[in-house]
Protein backbone atom coordinates (compact mmCIF):
# COMPACT_ATOMS: atom_id res chain seq x y z
CA MET A 1 0.00 0.00 0.00
CA MET A 2 2.71 2.45 1.01
CA VAL A 3 4.80 1.52 -2.02
CA ASP A 4 1.88 2.21 -4.36
CA LYS A 5 1.27 5.57 -2.72
CA ALA A 6 4.97 6.50 -3.01
CA THR A 7 5.01 5.45 -6.66
CA THR A 8 1.95 7.52 -7.53
CA GLN A 9 3.48 10.47 -5.63
CA ILE A 10 6.69 10.16 -7.66
CA GLN A 11 4.74 9.92 -10.91
CA HIS A 12 2.68 12.95 -9.85
CA ASP A 13 5.85 14.96 -9.09
CA CYS A 14 7.36 13.93 -12.43
CA GLY A 15 4.17 14.98 -14.22
CA ILE A 16 4.28 18.41 -12.56
CA ARG A 17 7.97 18.78 -13.46
CA VAL A 18 7.25 17.87 -17.09
CA LEU A 19 4.40 20.40 -17.23
CA VAL A 20 6.57 23.13 -15.73
CA PHE A 21 9.38 22.23 -18.15
CA ILE A 22 6.98 22.43 -21.13
CA LYS A 23 5.68 25.81 -19.91
CA LEU A 24 9.25 27.11 -19.60
CA ILE A 25 10.06 25.96 -23.14
CA GLU A 26 6.85 27.53 -24.49
CA SER A 27 7.53 30.87 -22.80
CA TYR A 28 11.17 30.75 -23.97
CA ILE A 29 10.11 30.11 -27.59
CA LYS A 30 7.50 32.89 -27.39
CA TYR A 31 10.11 35.23 -25.90
CA SER A 32 12.61 34.36 -28.64
CA LEU A 33 10.02 34.85 -31.37
CA ASP A 34 8.97 38.21 -29.90
CA ASN A 35 12.63 39.27 -29.74
CA SER A 36 13.34 38.25 -33.33
CA ILE A 37 10.24 40.14 -34.52
CA LEU A 38 11.34 43.22 -32.56
CA VAL A 39 14.84 42.98 -34.02
CA ARG A 40 13.42 42.74 -37.56
CA LEU A 41 11.16 45.73 -36.93
CA ARG A 42 14.15 47.66 -35.61
CA PHE A 43 16.10 46.85 -38.76
CA VAL A 44 13.15 47.84 -40.95
CA VAL A 45 12.78 51.16 -39.11
């Protein structure tokens, strides 16, 4: 019983870490895209 609970807790923690990691990557990509667009606009202007 305790082993099952510990396993599900570990899987839960891993799931949260994966979600946070995906969010970080998404925000990083969005940030990079925004920066590249700003740089292009700066070059155009």
